[in-house]
N, C-alpha and C. Protein backbone atom coordinates (compact mmCIF):
# COMPACT_ATOMS: atom_id res chain seq x y z
N UNK A 1 53.29 21.39 105.01
CA UNK A 1 54.04 22.52 104.63
C UNK A 1 54.88 22.95 105.84
N UNK A 2 56.05 23.10 105.52
CA UNK A 2 56.99 23.42 106.55
C UNK A 2 57.55 24.82 106.29
N UNK A 3 57.42 25.67 107.24
CA UNK A 3 57.95 27.02 107.12
C UNK A 3 59.33 27.06 107.72
N UNK A 4 60.09 27.74 107.03
CA UNK A 4 61.45 27.84 107.49
C UNK A 4 61.81 29.30 107.74
N UNK A 5 62.25 29.56 108.87
CA UNK A 5 62.69 30.91 109.22
C UNK A 5 64.19 30.90 109.39
N UNK A 6 64.77 31.84 108.74
CA UNK A 6 66.20 31.98 108.96
C UNK A 6 66.45 33.33 109.63
N UNK A 7 67.29 33.30 110.48
CA UNK A 7 67.62 34.53 111.20
C UNK A 7 68.96 35.01 110.67
N UNK A 8 68.87 36.23 110.16
CA UNK A 8 70.09 36.85 109.63
C UNK A 8 70.95 37.33 110.77
N UNK A 9 72.20 37.23 110.60
CA UNK A 9 73.05 37.80 111.64
C UNK A 9 72.86 39.32 111.68
N UNK A 10 73.00 39.89 112.80
CA UNK A 10 72.77 41.32 112.99
C UNK A 10 73.74 42.15 112.15
N UNK A 11 74.92 41.70 111.98
CA UNK A 11 75.90 42.49 111.24
C UNK A 11 75.52 42.58 109.76
N UNK A 12 74.97 41.53 109.17
CA UNK A 12 74.56 41.57 107.76
C UNK A 12 73.38 42.50 107.58
N UNK A 13 72.40 42.44 108.49
CA UNK A 13 71.23 43.31 108.41
C UNK A 13 71.66 44.77 108.57
N UNK A 14 72.56 45.06 109.47
CA UNK A 14 73.02 46.44 109.67
C UNK A 14 73.80 46.94 108.47
N UNK A 15 74.55 46.07 107.83
CA UNK A 15 75.33 46.52 106.68
C UNK A 15 74.41 46.85 105.51
N UNK A 16 73.29 46.08 105.31
CA UNK A 16 72.33 46.41 104.26
C UNK A 16 71.63 47.72 104.56
N UNK A 17 71.24 47.96 105.79
CA UNK A 17 70.61 49.22 106.17
C UNK A 17 71.57 50.39 106.00
N UNK A 18 72.81 50.18 106.29
CA UNK A 18 73.80 51.25 106.16
C UNK A 18 73.96 51.65 104.69
N UNK A 19 73.90 50.67 103.77
CA UNK A 19 74.01 50.98 102.34
C UNK A 19 72.80 51.79 101.90
N UNK A 20 71.60 51.41 102.34
CA UNK A 20 70.38 52.13 101.98
C UNK A 20 70.40 53.54 102.56
N UNK A 21 70.87 53.70 103.75
CA UNK A 21 70.88 55.00 104.38
C UNK A 21 71.94 55.92 103.77
N UNK A 22 72.98 55.39 103.18
CA UNK A 22 74.02 56.22 102.59
C UNK A 22 73.65 56.74 101.21
N UNK A 23 72.70 56.23 100.56
CA UNK A 23 72.33 56.67 99.21
C UNK A 23 71.55 57.98 99.26
N UNK A 24 71.64 58.75 98.16
CA UNK A 24 70.91 60.01 98.06
C UNK A 24 69.61 59.78 97.32
N UNK A 25 68.62 60.57 97.68
CA UNK A 25 67.36 60.50 96.95
C UNK A 25 67.46 61.39 95.72
N UNK A 26 66.55 61.22 94.81
CA UNK A 26 66.53 62.00 93.57
C UNK A 26 66.37 63.49 93.87
N UNK A 27 65.55 63.83 94.80
CA UNK A 27 65.30 65.23 95.17
C UNK A 27 66.59 65.87 95.71
N UNK A 28 67.31 65.14 96.53
CA UNK A 28 68.56 65.68 97.06
C UNK A 28 69.58 65.94 95.95
N UNK A 29 69.66 65.05 94.99
CA UNK A 29 70.58 65.23 93.87
C UNK A 29 70.20 66.44 93.03
N UNK A 30 68.89 66.60 92.75
CA UNK A 30 68.43 67.74 91.95
C UNK A 30 68.70 69.06 92.68
N UNK A 31 68.43 69.10 93.96
CA UNK A 31 68.66 70.33 94.74
C UNK A 31 70.15 70.68 94.76
N UNK A 32 71.00 69.70 95.00
CA UNK A 32 72.43 69.99 95.05
C UNK A 32 72.97 70.39 93.68
N UNK A 33 72.47 69.78 92.62
CA UNK A 33 72.89 70.17 91.27
C UNK A 33 72.43 71.60 90.95
N UNK A 34 71.24 71.96 91.40
CA UNK A 34 70.75 73.33 91.19
C UNK A 34 71.61 74.34 91.94
N UNK A 35 71.97 74.04 93.16
CA UNK A 35 72.84 74.93 93.93
C UNK A 35 74.19 75.08 93.25
N UNK A 36 74.75 73.99 92.77
CA UNK A 36 76.02 74.02 92.07
C UNK A 36 75.92 74.85 90.79
N UNK A 37 74.82 74.71 90.05
CA UNK A 37 74.61 75.47 88.82
C UNK A 37 74.53 76.97 89.13
N UNK A 38 73.82 77.35 90.15
CA UNK A 38 73.71 78.76 90.54
C UNK A 38 75.07 79.31 90.94
N UNK A 39 75.86 78.53 91.65
CA UNK A 39 77.20 78.97 92.06
C UNK A 39 78.11 79.17 90.85
N UNK A 40 78.05 78.28 89.88
CA UNK A 40 78.88 78.39 88.68
C UNK A 40 78.47 79.62 87.86
N UNK A 41 77.16 79.84 87.72
CA UNK A 41 76.68 81.02 86.98
C UNK A 41 77.14 82.30 87.68
N UNK A 42 77.05 82.34 89.00
CA UNK A 42 77.50 83.52 89.75
C UNK A 42 79.00 83.72 89.59
N UNK A 43 79.77 82.66 89.56
CA UNK A 43 81.21 82.76 89.38
C UNK A 43 81.55 83.37 88.03
N UNK A 44 80.92 82.88 86.96
CA UNK A 44 81.20 83.41 85.63
C UNK A 44 80.69 84.84 85.48
N UNK A 45 79.58 85.18 86.09
CA UNK A 45 79.11 86.56 86.07
C UNK A 45 80.09 87.47 86.79
N UNK A 46 80.65 87.01 87.88
CA UNK A 46 81.66 87.78 88.60
C UNK A 46 82.91 87.99 87.76
N UNK A 47 83.36 86.96 87.07
CA UNK A 47 84.52 87.10 86.18
C UNK A 47 84.23 88.11 85.07
N UNK A 48 83.07 87.99 84.46
CA UNK A 48 82.69 88.91 83.38
C UNK A 48 82.66 90.35 83.87
N UNK A 49 82.05 90.57 85.01
CA UNK A 49 81.97 91.91 85.58
C UNK A 49 83.36 92.43 85.93
N UNK A 50 84.19 91.59 86.47
CA UNK A 50 85.56 91.98 86.83
C UNK A 50 86.37 92.39 85.61
N UNK A 51 86.26 91.64 84.51
CA UNK A 51 86.98 91.99 83.29
C UNK A 51 86.46 93.29 82.70
N UNK A 52 85.15 93.53 82.78
CA UNK A 52 84.58 94.79 82.29
C UNK A 52 85.10 95.97 83.12
N UNK A 53 85.21 95.80 84.42
CA UNK A 53 85.74 96.87 85.28
C UNK A 53 87.20 97.14 84.94
N UNK A 54 87.97 96.09 84.71
CA UNK A 54 89.38 96.27 84.34
C UNK A 54 89.51 97.02 83.02
N UNK A 55 88.69 96.66 82.02
CA UNK A 55 88.73 97.37 80.74
C UNK A 55 88.39 98.84 80.89
N UNK A 56 87.36 99.14 81.67
CA UNK A 56 86.97 100.53 81.89
C UNK A 56 88.07 101.30 82.61
N UNK A 57 88.71 100.67 83.57
CA UNK A 57 89.80 101.32 84.29
C UNK A 57 90.99 101.58 83.38
N UNK A 58 91.30 100.65 82.50
CA UNK A 58 92.40 100.85 81.55
C UNK A 58 92.10 102.00 80.59
N UNK A 59 90.86 102.06 80.10
CA UNK A 59 90.48 103.15 79.21
C UNK A 59 90.54 104.50 79.93
N UNK A 60 90.13 104.52 81.18
CA UNK A 60 90.17 105.74 81.97
C UNK A 60 91.62 106.17 82.21
N UNK A 61 92.48 105.23 82.49
CA UNK A 61 93.89 105.54 82.68
C UNK A 61 94.51 106.09 81.40
N UNK A 62 94.17 105.50 80.26
CA UNK A 62 94.69 106.00 78.98
C UNK A 62 94.18 107.42 78.72
N UNK A 63 92.94 107.71 79.08
CA UNK A 63 92.41 109.07 78.92
C UNK A 63 93.20 110.05 79.78
N UNK A 64 93.55 109.65 80.98
CA UNK A 64 94.37 110.50 81.84
C UNK A 64 95.74 110.73 81.23
N UNK A 65 96.32 109.71 80.61
CA UNK A 65 97.61 109.86 79.94
C UNK A 65 97.51 110.83 78.77
N UNK A 66 96.44 110.73 78.00
CA UNK A 66 96.25 111.64 76.86
C UNK A 66 96.11 113.07 77.36
N UNK A 67 95.31 113.28 78.40
CA UNK A 67 95.13 114.62 78.96
C UNK A 67 96.45 115.19 79.47
N UNK A 68 97.20 114.38 80.18
CA UNK A 68 98.49 114.83 80.71
C UNK A 68 99.45 115.17 79.58
N UNK A 69 99.47 114.35 78.55
CA UNK A 69 100.34 114.58 77.40
C UNK A 69 99.99 115.91 76.73
N UNK A 70 98.72 116.18 76.54
CA UNK A 70 98.31 117.43 75.88
C UNK A 70 98.58 118.65 76.75
N UNK A 71 98.30 118.55 78.05
CA UNK A 71 98.55 119.72 78.91
C UNK A 71 100.04 120.00 79.04
N UNK A 72 100.87 118.97 79.07
CA UNK A 72 102.31 119.18 79.12
C UNK A 72 102.80 119.81 77.81
N UNK A 73 102.24 119.40 76.70
CA UNK A 73 102.61 120.01 75.41
C UNK A 73 102.18 121.47 75.36
N UNK A 74 101.04 121.79 75.92
CA UNK A 74 100.57 123.18 75.95
C UNK A 74 101.50 124.04 76.80
N UNK A 75 102.01 123.50 77.86
CA UNK A 75 102.93 124.25 78.72
C UNK A 75 104.25 124.58 78.01
N UNK A 76 104.58 123.83 76.95
CA UNK A 76 105.81 124.08 76.19
C UNK A 76 105.59 125.03 75.01
N UNK A 77 104.34 125.34 74.71
CA UNK A 77 104.04 126.20 73.57
C UNK A 77 104.32 127.65 73.95
N UNK A 78 104.91 128.38 73.00
CA UNK A 78 105.16 129.81 73.23
C UNK A 78 103.83 130.54 73.28
N UNK A 79 103.80 131.66 74.01
CA UNK A 79 102.59 132.46 74.17
C UNK A 79 102.01 132.88 72.82
N UNK A 80 102.87 133.25 71.88
CA UNK A 80 102.39 133.71 70.57
C UNK A 80 101.77 132.56 69.76
N UNK A 81 102.17 131.32 70.03
CA UNK A 81 101.62 130.17 69.30
C UNK A 81 100.40 129.56 69.97
N UNK A 82 100.07 130.05 71.13
CA UNK A 82 98.96 129.47 71.88
C UNK A 82 97.63 129.63 71.15
N UNK A 83 97.43 130.76 70.50
CA UNK A 83 96.15 131.01 69.82
C UNK A 83 96.03 130.25 68.51
N UNK A 84 97.13 129.74 67.96
CA UNK A 84 97.08 129.02 66.68
C UNK A 84 97.08 127.50 66.86
N UNK A 85 96.95 127.05 68.08
CA UNK A 85 96.91 125.59 68.33
C UNK A 85 95.63 124.99 67.76
N UNK A 86 95.69 123.74 67.30
CA UNK A 86 94.45 123.10 66.83
C UNK A 86 93.47 122.93 67.99
N UNK A 87 92.20 123.09 67.70
CA UNK A 87 91.19 123.02 68.76
C UNK A 87 90.67 121.61 69.00
N UNK A 88 91.03 120.67 68.14
CA UNK A 88 90.57 119.29 68.35
C UNK A 88 91.69 118.32 67.98
N UNK A 89 91.58 117.11 68.50
CA UNK A 89 92.58 116.08 68.23
C UNK A 89 91.93 114.71 68.41
N UNK A 90 92.66 113.70 67.96
CA UNK A 90 92.21 112.32 68.10
C UNK A 90 93.39 111.46 68.52
N UNK A 91 93.19 110.66 69.54
CA UNK A 91 94.22 109.74 70.03
C UNK A 91 93.61 108.35 70.10
N UNK A 92 94.47 107.33 70.18
CA UNK A 92 94.02 105.94 70.23
C UNK A 92 94.53 105.28 71.50
N UNK A 93 93.85 104.21 71.87
CA UNK A 93 94.25 103.46 73.06
C UNK A 93 95.65 102.89 72.87
N UNK A 94 95.90 102.30 71.70
CA UNK A 94 97.21 101.73 71.40
C UNK A 94 97.66 102.26 70.04
N UNK A 95 98.31 103.44 70.01
CA UNK A 95 98.65 104.11 68.75
C UNK A 95 99.50 103.31 67.77
N UNK A 96 100.46 102.46 68.19
CA UNK A 96 101.26 101.75 67.18
C UNK A 96 100.45 100.82 66.27
N UNK A 97 99.26 100.43 66.68
CA UNK A 97 98.47 99.48 65.88
C UNK A 97 97.40 100.16 65.03
N UNK A 98 97.51 101.46 64.80
CA UNK A 98 96.50 102.17 64.00
C UNK A 98 96.46 101.62 62.59
N UNK A 99 97.62 101.38 61.98
CA UNK A 99 97.66 100.90 60.60
C UNK A 99 97.08 99.50 60.43
N UNK A 100 97.19 98.67 61.46
CA UNK A 100 96.67 97.30 61.36
C UNK A 100 95.23 97.18 61.85
N UNK A 101 94.64 98.27 62.32
CA UNK A 101 93.26 98.24 62.77
C UNK A 101 93.07 97.76 64.20
N UNK A 102 94.14 97.61 64.96
CA UNK A 102 94.03 97.12 66.32
C UNK A 102 94.32 98.18 67.37
N UNK A 103 93.99 99.43 67.05
CA UNK A 103 94.32 100.54 67.96
C UNK A 103 93.38 100.63 69.15
N UNK A 104 92.27 99.95 69.11
CA UNK A 104 91.34 99.96 70.24
C UNK A 104 90.49 101.21 70.29
N UNK A 105 90.22 101.65 71.49
CA UNK A 105 89.34 102.78 71.73
C UNK A 105 89.90 104.07 71.14
N UNK A 106 89.02 104.87 70.54
CA UNK A 106 89.41 106.17 70.00
C UNK A 106 89.00 107.26 70.98
N UNK A 107 89.93 108.14 71.27
CA UNK A 107 89.69 109.27 72.17
C UNK A 107 89.59 110.54 71.33
N UNK A 108 88.47 111.23 71.44
CA UNK A 108 88.25 112.49 70.73
C UNK A 108 88.43 113.61 71.72
N UNK A 109 89.27 114.57 71.38
CA UNK A 109 89.57 115.63 72.32
C UNK A 109 89.40 117.02 71.75
N UNK A 110 89.17 117.96 72.65
CA UNK A 110 89.10 119.37 72.29
C UNK A 110 89.99 120.17 73.23
N UNK A 111 90.53 121.26 72.70
CA UNK A 111 91.33 122.18 73.48
C UNK A 111 90.69 123.55 73.36
N UNK A 112 90.32 124.12 74.51
CA UNK A 112 89.74 125.47 74.48
C UNK A 112 90.59 126.39 75.35
N UNK A 113 90.82 127.57 74.82
CA UNK A 113 91.66 128.56 75.51
C UNK A 113 90.76 129.74 75.86
N UNK A 114 90.72 130.06 77.14
CA UNK A 114 89.84 131.13 77.58
C UNK A 114 90.52 132.06 78.57
N UNK A 115 89.75 132.98 79.03
CA UNK A 115 90.22 133.97 79.98
C UNK A 115 90.33 133.32 81.36
N UNK A 116 91.36 133.65 82.09
CA UNK A 116 91.60 133.07 83.41
C UNK A 116 90.99 133.88 84.54
N UNK A 117 90.16 134.88 84.21
CA UNK A 117 89.61 135.75 85.25
C UNK A 117 88.68 135.00 86.21
N UNK A 118 88.11 133.88 85.76
CA UNK A 118 87.24 133.12 86.65
C UNK A 118 88.04 132.39 87.73
N UNK A 119 89.31 132.17 87.50
CA UNK A 119 90.15 131.46 88.47
C UNK A 119 90.97 132.44 89.31
N UNK A 120 91.47 133.48 88.67
CA UNK A 120 92.31 134.45 89.37
C UNK A 120 91.39 135.45 90.08
N UNK A 121 91.46 135.45 91.40
CA UNK A 121 90.59 136.33 92.17
C UNK A 121 91.17 137.74 92.27
N UNK A 122 90.30 138.68 92.43
CA UNK A 122 90.74 140.07 92.50
C UNK A 122 91.06 140.58 91.10
N UNK A 123 91.87 141.60 91.01
CA UNK A 123 92.28 142.11 89.70
C UNK A 123 93.77 142.41 89.71
N UNK A 124 94.60 141.36 89.74
CA UNK A 124 96.04 141.60 89.72
C UNK A 124 96.49 142.12 88.35
N UNK A 125 97.66 142.70 88.32
CA UNK A 125 98.16 143.31 87.09
C UNK A 125 98.43 142.29 85.99
N UNK A 126 98.71 141.06 86.34
CA UNK A 126 99.05 140.03 85.35
C UNK A 126 97.83 139.27 84.82
N UNK A 127 96.65 139.67 85.19
CA UNK A 127 95.44 138.92 84.83
C UNK A 127 95.28 138.78 83.31
N UNK A 128 95.66 139.77 82.54
CA UNK A 128 95.54 139.68 81.08
C UNK A 128 96.66 138.89 80.44
N UNK A 129 97.64 138.48 81.23
CA UNK A 129 98.77 137.74 80.70
C UNK A 129 98.71 136.25 81.03
N UNK A 130 97.55 135.79 81.47
CA UNK A 130 97.35 134.37 81.81
C UNK A 130 96.11 133.86 81.10
N UNK A 131 96.20 132.69 80.53
CA UNK A 131 95.07 132.05 79.84
C UNK A 131 94.75 130.72 80.52
N UNK A 132 93.48 130.42 80.57
CA UNK A 132 93.01 129.14 81.09
C UNK A 132 92.83 128.19 79.92
N UNK A 133 93.55 127.09 79.93
CA UNK A 133 93.47 126.09 78.86
C UNK A 133 92.75 124.87 79.41
N UNK A 134 91.69 124.47 78.72
CA UNK A 134 90.90 123.30 79.12
C UNK A 134 91.01 122.23 78.04
N UNK A 135 91.44 121.05 78.44
CA UNK A 135 91.55 119.92 77.52
C UNK A 135 90.48 118.91 77.93
N UNK A 136 89.64 118.52 76.98
CA UNK A 136 88.54 117.58 77.23
C UNK A 136 88.70 116.37 76.32
N UNK A 137 88.47 115.19 76.87
CA UNK A 137 88.56 113.95 76.10
C UNK A 137 87.25 113.19 76.25
N UNK A 138 86.72 112.71 75.14
CA UNK A 138 85.52 111.87 75.12
C UNK A 138 85.87 110.53 74.48
N UNK A 139 85.31 109.46 75.00
CA UNK A 139 85.46 108.15 74.38
C UNK A 139 84.23 107.32 74.70
N UNK A 140 84.00 106.31 73.90
CA UNK A 140 82.83 105.46 74.05
C UNK A 140 83.27 104.01 74.21
N UNK A 141 82.69 103.34 75.20
CA UNK A 141 82.85 101.90 75.26
C UNK A 141 81.45 101.28 75.30
N UNK A 142 81.39 99.99 75.12
CA UNK A 142 80.10 99.31 75.00
C UNK A 142 79.90 98.34 76.14
N UNK A 143 78.84 98.55 76.89
CA UNK A 143 78.50 97.74 78.04
C UNK A 143 77.76 96.50 77.55
N UNK A 144 78.39 95.36 77.65
CA UNK A 144 77.75 94.12 77.21
C UNK A 144 77.70 94.00 75.70
N UNK A 145 78.42 94.84 74.97
CA UNK A 145 78.44 94.75 73.52
C UNK A 145 77.29 95.45 72.84
N UNK A 146 76.31 95.96 73.58
CA UNK A 146 75.12 96.54 72.96
C UNK A 146 74.90 97.99 73.34
N UNK A 147 75.06 98.30 74.60
CA UNK A 147 74.75 99.64 75.10
C UNK A 147 76.02 100.49 75.09
N UNK A 148 75.98 101.63 74.39
CA UNK A 148 77.15 102.49 74.36
C UNK A 148 77.15 103.42 75.57
N UNK A 149 78.32 103.56 76.17
CA UNK A 149 78.50 104.42 77.34
C UNK A 149 79.57 105.44 76.98
N UNK A 150 79.19 106.73 76.99
CA UNK A 150 80.12 107.79 76.65
C UNK A 150 80.78 108.28 77.94
N UNK A 151 82.10 108.37 77.91
CA UNK A 151 82.87 108.84 79.06
C UNK A 151 83.50 110.19 78.71
N UNK A 152 83.71 111.01 79.73
CA UNK A 152 84.30 112.32 79.53
C UNK A 152 85.27 112.62 80.66
N UNK A 153 86.45 113.08 80.30
CA UNK A 153 87.44 113.53 81.27
C UNK A 153 87.90 114.90 80.86
N UNK A 154 88.27 115.71 81.84
CA UNK A 154 88.68 117.08 81.55
C UNK A 154 89.83 117.48 82.47
N UNK A 155 90.76 118.27 81.92
CA UNK A 155 91.89 118.76 82.70
C UNK A 155 92.12 120.22 82.32
N UNK A 156 92.47 121.02 83.31
CA UNK A 156 92.73 122.43 83.05
C UNK A 156 94.13 122.81 83.49
N UNK A 157 94.70 123.78 82.81
CA UNK A 157 96.00 124.32 83.18
C UNK A 157 96.02 125.80 82.84
N UNK A 158 96.95 126.51 83.43
CA UNK A 158 97.14 127.92 83.13
C UNK A 158 98.38 128.08 82.28
N UNK A 159 98.32 128.98 81.33
CA UNK A 159 99.47 129.30 80.50
C UNK A 159 99.72 130.79 80.64
N UNK A 160 100.95 131.14 80.99
CA UNK A 160 101.30 132.54 81.24
C UNK A 160 102.22 133.07 80.15
N UNK A 161 102.13 134.36 79.92
CA UNK A 161 102.91 135.00 78.87
C UNK A 161 104.41 134.85 79.09
N UNK A 162 104.88 135.06 80.30
CA UNK A 162 106.31 135.01 80.58
C UNK A 162 106.71 133.78 81.40
N UNK A 163 105.89 132.76 81.42
CA UNK A 163 106.19 131.58 82.20
C UNK A 163 105.56 131.65 83.58
N UNK A 164 105.23 130.53 84.12
CA UNK A 164 104.51 130.49 85.40
C UNK A 164 105.38 130.91 86.59
N UNK A 165 106.67 130.63 86.54
CA UNK A 165 107.50 130.91 87.71
C UNK A 165 107.51 132.39 88.05
N UNK A 166 107.42 133.28 87.07
CA UNK A 166 107.43 134.71 87.35
C UNK A 166 106.20 135.14 88.15
N UNK A 167 105.07 134.51 87.91
CA UNK A 167 103.85 134.91 88.59
C UNK A 167 103.71 134.20 89.94
N UNK A 168 104.20 133.00 90.01
CA UNK A 168 104.05 132.25 91.25
C UNK A 168 105.02 132.77 92.31
N UNK A 169 106.27 132.94 91.94
CA UNK A 169 107.29 133.34 92.92
C UNK A 169 107.47 134.85 93.03
N UNK A 170 106.76 135.61 92.20
CA UNK A 170 106.83 137.07 92.29
C UNK A 170 108.12 137.66 91.77
N UNK A 171 108.82 136.92 90.88
CA UNK A 171 110.05 137.43 90.31
C UNK A 171 109.72 138.46 89.23
N UNK A 172 110.61 139.41 89.00
CA UNK A 172 110.32 140.42 87.98
C UNK A 172 110.35 139.86 86.58
């Protein structure tokens, strides 16, 4: 029996070892796939949260627009008509689409007219000629589609019998 030994060239042996050393083990692949999966889930959760924040901000901005619209309208109302104003109202996020059902969020509002003595300090002569008008808006959005979150915004203005400029600038 004759044994034969062959000696591999060093470059061939090194190239085979280099191929073996470059491969990944199963554990390394599973760990890297898990890290990638966690990163993708965090990315989509961030997108979802970002879109929810944008929606809430848009609804809040629309509420501010509704409040401003109502307070500006109150400032144009004559003193004699102030007491006959409706005490409640309803506005929509996108009013032109009410008929098609795509108006979005509904804003429910109230207007209350009260005495301005809590704001006007002292007892000036014009105190009975000024009213404090408070406009409040409520709306509901749904967090994650299941939990309802009620939001409330409020704005106040003063309405004077002879116009604000007479009381502010001291004109007769």
